[in-house]
Protein backbone atom coordinates (compact mmCIF):
# COMPACT_ATOMS: atom_id res chain seq x y z
CA MET A 1 0.00 0.00 0.00
CA ILE A 2 1.07 3.62 -0.21
CA ASP A 3 2.24 6.05 2.45
CA THR A 4 -0.55 8.63 2.72
CA LYS A 5 1.04 10.69 5.51
CA PRO A 6 2.38 13.44 3.18
CA LEU A 7 -1.06 13.62 1.51
CA GLU A 8 -2.78 13.75 4.89
CA ASP A 9 -0.50 16.61 5.94
CA ARG A 10 -1.43 18.63 2.84
CA VAL A 11 -5.14 17.99 3.39
CA PHE A 12 -4.85 19.05 7.03
CA GLU A 13 -3.10 22.27 5.98
CA LYS A 14 -5.95 23.13 3.60
CA TYR A 15 -8.78 21.90 5.86
CA PRO A 16 -7.68 22.10 9.53
CA GLY A 17 -11.02 20.76 10.81
CA ILE A 18 -10.76 17.57 8.80
CA ASP A 19 -9.62 14.30 10.38
CA ALA A 20 -6.82 13.81 7.87
CA GLU A 21 -5.71 10.49 9.36
CA GLN A 22 -9.23 9.10 8.91
CA ALA A 23 -9.22 10.45 5.36
CA GLY A 24 -5.96 8.63 4.72
CA ARG A 25 -7.36 5.37 6.10
CA GLU A 26 -10.46 5.69 3.93
CA TYR A 27 -8.35 6.44 0.86
CA ARG A 28 -6.14 3.40 1.48
CA ASP A 29 -9.31 1.29 1.92
CA PHE A 30 -10.65 2.64 -1.39
CA LEU A 31 -7.40 1.82 -3.19
CA SER A 32 -7.23 -1.62 -1.63
CA ALA A 33 -10.80 -2.42 -2.64
CA ARG A 34 -10.16 -1.20 -6.17
CA ALA A 35 -6.99 -3.30 -6.37
CA ASP A 36 -9.11 -6.30 -5.33
CA GLY A 37 -11.55 -5.57 -8.16
CA ILE A 38 -14.26 -4.10 -5.95
CA GLU A 39 -15.87 -1.14 -7.65
CA GLN A 40 -16.89 1.57 -5.24
CA SER A 41 -16.75 5.33 -5.13
CA PRO A 42 -14.47 6.93 -2.56
CA SER A 43 -15.89 8.58 0.52
CA ASP A 44 -15.82 12.38 0.63
CA LEU A 45 -12.84 12.24 3.00
CA ALA A 46 -10.97 9.77 0.79
CA ASP A 47 -11.64 11.99 -2.22
CA LEU A 48 -9.80 14.87 -0.51
CA ILE A 49 -6.70 12.68 -0.21
CA TRP A 50 -7.15 11.43 -3.79
CA HIS A 51 -7.13 14.99 -5.10
CA GLU A 52 -3.82 15.64 -3.36
CA HIS A 53 -2.42 12.37 -4.70
CA VAL A 54 -3.42 13.18 -8.28
CA LEU A 55 -1.66 16.56 -8.07
CA ASP A 56 1.66 14.76 -7.61
CA THR A 57 1.39 13.29 -11.11
CA LYS A 58 4.67 11.37 -11.17
CA ARG A 59 4.07 9.69 -7.80
CA TYR A 60 0.42 9.06 -8.63
CA ALA A 61 1.28 7.38 -11.95
CA GLN A 62 3.93 5.22 -10.23
CA ASP A 63 1.54 4.24 -7.43
CA CYS A 64 -1.21 3.36 -9.92
CA GLY A 65 1.20 1.19 -11.88
CA ARG A 66 2.29 -0.61 -8.74
CA LEU A 67 -1.23 -1.03 -7.32
CA PHE A 68 -3.27 -1.68 -10.45
CA GLY A 69 -0.85 -2.24 -13.31
CA ARG A 70 -2.36 0.76 -15.09
CA PHE A 71 -3.45 4.35 -14.53
CA LEU A 72 -6.59 4.98 -12.48
CA HIS A 73 -8.26 8.12 -13.86
CA HIS A 74 -10.17 10.46 -11.57
CA VAL A 75 -13.04 12.22 -13.29
CA PRO A 76 -14.82 15.32 -11.96
CA SER A 77 -17.91 13.42 -10.92
CA GLY A 78 -15.83 11.76 -8.18
CA LYS A 79 -15.84 8.48 -10.04
CA TYR A 80 -12.92 6.77 -11.65
CA CYS A 81 -12.05 4.64 -14.65
CA PHE A 82 -9.09 2.83 -16.06
CA GLY A 83 -9.62 3.93 -19.65
CA GLU A 84 -11.57 6.25 -21.86
CA THR A 85 -14.27 3.65 -22.60
CA GLU A 86 -15.01 2.65 -19.02
């Protein structure tokens, strides 16, 4: 799994009232479920961490490759897909 601490720190800086550690746990749970083939949308807290992760494009691409073997796209609706046709 990935280290979400740096992402949690950035979320906490932007949203001091947010439980960033909980957001990190929920994001890791989302990624783990997706890696296991379980399709689910991320929680609102997890989505905050995901946004920070996506902004670090190089790390995000590397993590996606390691976790899924391909890039996991984030679309504005809060959903995700692996390719343009999904």
